[in-house]
Amino acid sequence: MQPLKVTTNIIKPAGQPGGKLAGGAGAKARPQEEKAETHAARQESGQGAGTSAGAATEPRWTINDFDIGKPLGKGKFGNVYLAREKRTQYIVALKVLFKSQLQQSNVEHQLRREIEIQAHLRHPNILRLYGYFYDKEKVYLILEYAERGELYKELVRLHRFDERTAATYILSLARALDYCHSHHVIHRDIKPENLLVGGTGELKISDFGWSVHAPSNRRKTLCGTLDYLPPEMVEGQEHTTAVDNWSLGVLTYEFLFGGPPFEAPGHQDTYKRIVRLDLRFPEQPQVSAEAKAFIRKLLVKDARQRLPLSEVQNDPWIRANADPAMLARDK
């Protein structure tokens, strides 16, 4: 993959015509593999969503091309709705963002980066971004619809997952993150709130707002969610793709114990526990020694010593608990 270049100007100036759906008129998400590959190649050549090369020859989308259904969620900058593309009848999730709120929070660049990164990713455990368009007041992201909704709500309802469910989820995420890293993308904000569940129960990474395309593999920006920050970020050091390995360890702990491992009354106390690697396993709920060992392999202060994502599938706890059908697949 070539380095991703921000070619969109979707926030300013307001009132310009909108962008088009990635893949041209095919709002059906390109179910045929060969068509998806063809479209990916066109994106690489500068003809994908939001590029000037494609905009001159293909139709642009507007809100009138969609039937809007029930709300699926609400965020800081807008809302997400179930929607149906009128011509193809294909069901999608339409994320509607208000330009005024994006500008007030000075996150226009973050949205551009999110679009550029997510539109290029193709993995069964990463939510597809099919395209975008915009009008005078709003920006619309056309996303894959994850039928079962937010994983966070399911985790709150159950409080914790059993080891088989947790191991299956973690293996799928490890493979998705390994794919991201192979394309020089660091997610930097893996947590239950940023995961959705598809129609067959598969996890989907759904939010790339803090992600970054970093061919050099080194960054120094403090970002992400407090409980999931690795020691190198807390201490203001350079970080690499290994921040996602750390987050995977925190996520495993939260899946199994019902809360993050370094939780404390105040922010400074949490920071101190992370830096000291103050990792404790409560007696209840009962969790296997193999699961705890797996968590320890990821929650290592030296980022270079964290378990590589490509090795997650070979871990004894994963092999004993993850879905056998998933284990049988290479990626």
Protein backbone atom coordinates (compact mmCIF):
# COMPACT_ATOMS: atom_id res chain seq x y z
CA MET A 1 0.00 0.00 0.00
CA GLN A 2 1.25 3.44 -0.86
CA PRO A 3 1.35 6.09 1.90
CA LEU A 4 -2.12 7.53 2.40
CA LYS A 5 -2.45 11.13 1.28
CA VAL A 6 -5.20 13.41 2.52
CA THR A 7 -6.89 14.64 -0.63
CA THR A 8 -10.27 15.55 0.81
CA ASN A 9 -11.51 18.99 1.78
CA ILE A 10 -14.82 17.98 3.27
CA ILE A 11 -15.16 20.54 6.06
CA LYS A 12 -14.08 23.81 4.45
CA PRO A 13 -15.25 25.65 2.47
CA ALA A 14 -18.85 24.83 3.34
CA GLY A 15 -21.48 24.39 0.68
CA GLN A 16 -19.41 22.63 -1.97
CA PRO A 17 -20.81 19.48 -3.65
CA GLY A 18 -20.51 16.20 -1.78
CA GLY A 19 -18.22 13.24 -2.31
CA LYS A 20 -19.22 9.90 -3.83
CA LEU A 21 -19.63 6.42 -2.45
CA ALA A 22 -16.42 4.42 -2.57
CA GLY A 23 -16.87 1.88 -5.32
CA GLY A 24 -18.92 4.14 -7.57
CA ALA A 25 -22.61 3.33 -7.82
CA GLY A 26 -22.24 -0.02 -6.04
CA ALA A 27 -23.61 0.69 -2.57
CA LYS A 28 -23.87 -3.08 -2.06
CA ALA A 29 -20.39 -3.01 -0.57
CA ARG A 30 -18.92 -4.88 -3.51
CA PRO A 31 -19.82 -8.41 -2.38
CA GLN A 32 -17.90 -10.00 -5.26
CA GLU A 33 -14.24 -10.26 -4.33
CA GLU A 34 -12.97 -9.41 -7.79
CA LYS A 35 -14.95 -6.16 -7.81
CA ALA A 36 -13.59 -5.23 -4.40
CA GLU A 37 -10.05 -5.83 -5.59
CA THR A 38 -10.65 -3.73 -8.70
CA HIS A 39 -11.99 -0.88 -6.61
CA ALA A 40 -9.04 -1.12 -4.20
CA ALA A 41 -6.68 -0.81 -7.14
CA ARG A 42 -8.58 2.26 -8.35
CA GLN A 43 -8.26 3.83 -4.91
CA GLU A 44 -4.51 3.30 -5.00
CA SER A 45 -4.33 5.07 -8.35
CA GLY A 46 -6.08 8.14 -6.94
CA GLN A 47 -9.61 7.43 -8.17
CA GLY A 48 -11.21 6.39 -4.88
CA ALA A 49 -13.60 8.22 -2.61
CA GLY A 50 -12.84 11.86 -2.08
CA THR A 51 -10.12 12.20 -4.68
CA SER A 52 -10.30 14.76 -7.44
CA ALA A 53 -9.53 12.13 -10.07
CA GLY A 54 -12.69 10.14 -9.34
CA ALA A 55 -14.95 13.12 -8.68
CA ALA A 56 -14.85 14.36 -12.27
CA THR A 57 -16.18 11.15 -13.84
CA GLU A 58 -18.52 9.47 -11.32
CA PRO A 59 -21.79 10.57 -9.69
CA ARG A 60 -21.83 12.18 -6.29
CA TRP A 61 -24.06 11.05 -3.46
CA THR A 62 -26.59 13.16 -1.56
CA ILE A 63 -28.86 12.48 1.38
CA ASN A 64 -31.72 12.05 -1.11
CA ASP A 65 -30.12 8.79 -2.28
CA PHE A 66 -30.94 7.15 1.06
CA ASP A 67 -34.00 6.14 3.05
CA ILE A 68 -33.21 6.98 6.69
CA GLY A 69 -34.33 4.56 9.39
CA LYS A 70 -33.97 4.26 13.15
CA PRO A 71 -31.10 5.84 15.09
CA LEU A 72 -28.33 3.37 15.94
CA GLY A 73 -26.23 5.56 18.22
CA LYS A 74 -25.28 9.07 19.25
CA GLY A 75 -21.84 10.61 19.50
CA LYS A 76 -20.19 13.90 20.38
CA PHE A 77 -20.33 15.25 16.84
CA GLY A 78 -23.50 13.68 15.48
CA ASN A 79 -25.60 10.54 15.15
CA VAL A 80 -25.63 7.19 13.37
CA TYR A 81 -28.73 5.95 11.54
CA LEU A 82 -29.80 2.78 9.84
CA ALA A 83 -30.18 3.64 6.16
CA ARG A 84 -30.98 2.05 2.80
CA GLU A 85 -29.49 3.11 -0.50
CA LYS A 86 -32.55 3.60 -2.71
CA ARG A 87 -31.24 2.29 -6.01
CA THR A 88 -29.67 -0.95 -4.75
CA GLN A 89 -31.75 -1.36 -1.55
CA TYR A 90 -28.50 -2.09 0.28
CA ILE A 91 -28.58 -1.55 4.06
CA VAL A 92 -25.85 0.60 5.59
CA ALA A 93 -25.14 2.67 8.70
CA LEU A 94 -25.07 6.39 7.96
CA LYS A 95 -22.94 8.46 10.32
CA VAL A 96 -24.06 12.10 10.26
CA LEU A 97 -21.57 14.65 11.61
CA PHE A 98 -22.22 18.36 12.09
CA LYS A 99 -19.55 20.59 10.55
CA SER A 100 -20.04 23.31 13.16
CA GLN A 101 -19.26 20.90 16.00
CA LEU A 102 -16.24 19.47 14.19
CA GLN A 103 -14.89 22.98 13.66
CA GLN A 104 -15.53 24.07 17.24
CA SER A 105 -13.55 21.09 18.53
CA ASN A 106 -10.86 21.54 15.87
CA VAL A 107 -11.02 17.91 14.74
CA GLU A 108 -11.48 18.38 10.99
CA HIS A 109 -8.01 16.94 10.37
CA GLN A 110 -8.86 13.93 12.53
CA LEU A 111 -11.96 13.19 10.46
CA ARG A 112 -10.02 13.48 7.19
CA ARG A 113 -7.42 11.07 8.54
CA GLU A 114 -10.10 8.64 9.74
CA ILE A 115 -11.71 8.60 6.29
CA GLU A 116 -8.42 8.15 4.44
CA ILE A 117 -7.33 5.27 6.67
CA GLN A 118 -10.58 3.34 7.09
CA ALA A 119 -11.51 3.55 3.40
CA HIS A 120 -8.34 1.65 2.50
CA LEU A 121 -8.74 -1.23 4.98
CA ARG A 122 -10.26 -4.57 3.95
CA HIS A 123 -10.55 -7.13 6.76
CA PRO A 124 -13.52 -9.17 8.05
CA ASN A 125 -12.99 -7.75 11.57
CA ILE A 126 -12.75 -4.11 10.51
CA LEU A 127 -15.91 -2.14 9.80
CA ARG A 128 -15.97 -1.08 6.15
CA LEU A 129 -16.17 2.57 5.21
CA TYR A 130 -17.82 2.52 1.79
CA GLY A 131 -17.62 6.25 1.16
CA TYR A 132 -18.72 9.71 2.22
CA PHE A 133 -20.51 12.82 1.01
CA TYR A 134 -21.29 16.21 2.50
CA ASP A 135 -23.47 19.27 2.21
CA LYS A 136 -23.39 22.77 3.67
CA GLU A 137 -23.95 21.71 7.27
CA LYS A 138 -23.10 18.02 7.60
CA VAL A 139 -20.63 15.29 6.65
CA TYR A 140 -22.03 11.79 6.01
CA LEU A 141 -20.01 8.58 6.34
CA ILE A 142 -21.46 5.48 4.67
CA LEU A 143 -20.51 2.53 6.86
CA GLU A 144 -21.05 -1.21 7.00
CA TYR A 145 -24.05 -2.09 9.18
CA ALA A 146 -23.13 -4.31 12.16
CA GLU A 147 -26.45 -5.95 12.99
CA ARG A 148 -25.82 -6.84 16.64
CA GLY A 149 -24.63 -3.40 17.63
CA GLU A 150 -22.20 -2.28 20.30
CA LEU A 151 -20.05 -4.83 22.12
CA TYR A 152 -19.83 -2.49 25.11
CA LYS A 153 -23.55 -2.82 25.80
CA GLU A 154 -23.26 -6.61 25.76
CA LEU A 155 -20.28 -6.49 28.13
CA VAL A 156 -22.18 -4.21 30.53
CA ARG A 157 -25.19 -6.54 30.40
CA LEU A 158 -23.15 -9.68 31.13
CA HIS A 159 -20.48 -7.87 33.22
CA ARG A 160 -17.84 -10.24 31.81
CA PHE A 161 -17.36 -12.83 29.08
CA ASP A 162 -16.52 -16.49 29.55
CA GLU A 163 -13.06 -17.57 28.46
CA ARG A 164 -14.18 -19.14 25.19
CA THR A 165 -15.98 -16.00 24.08
CA ALA A 166 -13.13 -13.76 25.21
CA ALA A 167 -10.46 -15.86 23.48
CA THR A 168 -12.43 -15.90 20.21
CA TYR A 169 -12.90 -12.14 20.29
CA ILE A 170 -9.25 -11.49 21.15
CA LEU A 171 -7.95 -13.75 18.38
CA SER A 172 -10.09 -11.97 15.79
CA LEU A 173 -8.91 -8.57 17.03
CA ALA A 174 -5.27 -9.65 17.07
CA ARG A 175 -5.56 -10.63 13.42
CA ALA A 176 -7.32 -7.39 12.50
CA LEU A 177 -4.68 -5.29 14.28
CA ASP A 178 -1.87 -7.31 12.73
CA TYR A 179 -3.42 -6.52 9.34
CA CYS A 180 -3.53 -2.82 10.25
CA HIS A 181 0.12 -2.86 11.29
CA SER A 182 1.10 -4.56 8.02
CA HIS A 183 -0.43 -1.50 6.32
CA HIS A 184 1.43 0.89 8.65
CA VAL A 185 -1.74 1.81 10.56
CA ILE A 186 -1.68 2.11 14.37
CA HIS A 187 -5.18 2.16 15.86
CA ARG A 188 -4.27 3.63 19.29
CA ASP A 189 -7.76 3.44 20.82
CA ILE A 190 -8.85 -0.18 21.11
CA LYS A 191 -11.57 -0.51 23.78
CA PRO A 192 -15.05 -2.10 24.08
CA GLU A 193 -16.78 1.15 23.05
CA ASN A 194 -15.01 1.04 19.67
CA LEU A 195 -16.09 -2.50 18.80
CA LEU A 196 -19.27 -3.62 17.05
CA VAL A 197 -20.74 -7.08 16.52
CA GLY A 198 -21.78 -8.29 13.07
CA GLY A 199 -24.68 -10.51 12.11
CA THR A 200 -22.80 -13.77 12.73
CA GLY A 201 -21.25 -12.61 16.01
CA GLU A 202 -17.95 -11.44 14.55
CA LEU A 203 -16.24 -8.40 16.04
CA LYS A 204 -15.68 -5.25 13.98
CA ILE A 205 -13.25 -2.47 14.86
CA SER A 206 -15.46 0.53 14.25
CA ASP A 207 -13.70 3.76 15.17
CA PHE A 208 -10.46 4.98 13.60
CA GLY A 209 -10.65 8.51 14.99
CA TRP A 210 -7.34 8.20 16.84
CA SER A 211 -5.63 5.96 14.30
CA VAL A 212 -2.61 7.10 12.35
CA HIS A 213 -0.83 6.05 9.19
CA ALA A 214 2.79 5.89 10.33
CA PRO A 215 5.26 4.34 7.86
CA SER A 216 8.07 5.25 10.26
CA ASN A 217 6.27 3.25 12.99
CA ARG A 218 7.08 5.92 15.61
CA ARG A 219 4.76 8.55 17.07
CA LYS A 220 4.72 10.75 20.17
CA THR A 221 1.11 12.01 20.46
CA LEU A 222 -0.76 11.29 23.70
CA CYS A 223 -4.12 9.86 22.63
CA GLY A 224 -6.56 7.09 23.33
CA THR A 225 -8.49 6.24 26.49
CA LEU A 226 -6.95 6.64 29.95
CA ASP A 227 -7.39 3.06 31.21
CA TYR A 228 -5.90 1.69 27.99
CA LEU A 229 -2.83 3.93 27.73
CA PRO A 230 0.50 2.07 27.66
CA PRO A 231 3.45 3.17 29.85
CA GLU A 232 5.35 4.76 26.96
CA MET A 233 2.44 7.11 26.23
CA VAL A 234 1.96 8.00 29.89
CA GLU A 235 5.66 8.85 30.15
CA GLY A 236 5.62 10.91 26.94
CA GLN A 237 7.97 8.61 25.05
CA GLU A 238 7.81 7.63 21.41
CA HIS A 239 5.40 4.81 20.70
CA THR A 240 5.04 2.21 17.97
CA THR A 241 2.49 -0.35 16.83
CA ALA A 242 3.11 -2.11 20.16
CA VAL A 243 0.62 0.28 21.81
CA ASP A 244 -2.11 -1.83 20.20
CA ASN A 245 -0.60 -5.01 21.68
CA TRP A 246 -0.82 -3.41 25.13
CA SER A 247 -4.45 -2.40 24.51
CA LEU A 248 -5.25 -5.97 23.52
CA GLY A 249 -3.94 -7.11 26.90
CA VAL A 250 -6.05 -4.52 28.73
CA LEU A 251 -9.08 -5.57 26.69
CA THR A 252 -8.52 -9.26 27.54
CA TYR A 253 -8.42 -8.36 31.23
CA GLU A 254 -11.63 -6.32 30.97
CA PHE A 255 -13.39 -9.09 29.04
CA LEU A 256 -12.56 -11.63 31.76
CA PHE A 257 -12.75 -9.56 34.95
CA GLY A 258 -15.36 -6.94 34.04
CA GLY A 259 -13.11 -3.87 34.40
CA PRO A 260 -9.73 -2.50 33.27
CA PRO A 261 -6.61 -3.67 35.16
CA PHE A 262 -5.20 -0.30 36.28
CA GLU A 263 -8.42 1.38 37.36
CA ALA A 264 -7.97 3.82 40.24
CA PRO A 265 -9.95 6.65 41.93
CA GLY A 266 -8.11 9.46 40.12
CA HIS A 267 -6.28 9.96 36.83
CA GLN A 268 -2.89 10.37 38.48
CA ASP A 269 -3.38 7.14 40.44
CA THR A 270 -4.21 5.32 37.22
CA TYR A 271 -1.11 6.77 35.55
CA LYS A 272 1.05 5.60 38.46
CA ARG A 273 -0.36 2.07 38.34
CA ILE A 274 0.27 1.85 34.60
CA VAL A 275 3.86 3.08 34.84
CA ARG A 276 4.61 0.75 37.78
CA LEU A 277 2.87 -2.10 35.95
CA ASP A 278 0.78 -2.64 39.06
CA LEU A 279 -1.10 -5.61 37.64
CA ARG A 280 -3.37 -7.48 40.07
CA PHE A 281 -5.72 -10.38 39.48
CA PRO A 282 -8.69 -10.54 41.88
CA GLU A 283 -9.73 -13.88 43.32
CA GLN A 284 -13.23 -13.47 41.88
CA PRO A 285 -14.30 -14.12 39.21
CA GLN A 286 -12.22 -17.25 38.78
CA VAL A 287 -10.05 -17.04 35.69
CA SER A 288 -7.62 -19.70 34.49
CA ALA A 289 -3.87 -19.45 35.04
CA GLU A 290 -3.41 -19.69 31.26
CA ALA A 291 -5.56 -16.61 30.69
CA LYS A 292 -3.58 -14.63 33.27
CA ALA A 293 -0.33 -15.75 31.65
CA PHE A 294 -1.62 -14.54 28.27
CA ILE A 295 -2.46 -11.13 29.73
CA ARG A 296 1.03 -10.87 31.27
CA LYS A 297 2.60 -11.51 27.86
CA LEU A 298 0.89 -8.42 26.47
CA LEU A 299 1.06 -6.10 29.49
CA VAL A 300 4.83 -5.75 29.44
CA LYS A 301 6.43 -2.36 30.09
CA ASP A 302 9.15 -2.86 27.48
CA ALA A 303 7.14 -2.52 24.25
CA ARG A 304 9.66 -4.64 22.36
CA GLN A 305 8.96 -7.61 24.63
CA ARG A 306 5.18 -7.71 24.18
CA LEU A 307 3.72 -10.79 22.56
CA PRO A 308 3.67 -10.23 18.76
CA LEU A 309 0.16 -10.19 17.34
CA SER A 310 1.12 -12.88 14.84
CA GLU A 311 1.89 -15.19 17.79
CA VAL A 312 -1.44 -14.70 19.58
CA GLN A 313 -3.00 -17.62 17.70
CA ASN A 314 -0.26 -19.94 19.02
CA ASP A 315 -0.74 -19.05 22.69
CA PRO A 316 -1.91 -22.04 24.81
CA TRP A 317 -4.90 -20.14 26.24
CA ILE A 318 -6.05 -19.04 22.78
CA ARG A 319 -5.62 -22.52 21.31
CA ALA A 320 -7.57 -24.10 24.17
CA ASN A 321 -10.47 -21.65 24.11
CA ALA A 322 -10.91 -19.82 20.80
CA ASP A 323 -13.40 -20.97 18.17
CA PRO A 324 -11.82 -23.98 16.38
CA ALA A 325 -13.10 -22.78 13.00
CA MET A 326 -11.30 -19.48 13.52
CA LEU A 327 -8.14 -21.24 14.66
CA ALA A 328 -8.21 -23.34 11.50
CA ARG A 329 -7.99 -20.18 9.40
CA ASP A 330 -4.62 -18.47 8.99
CA LYS A 331 -6.00 -14.93 9.27
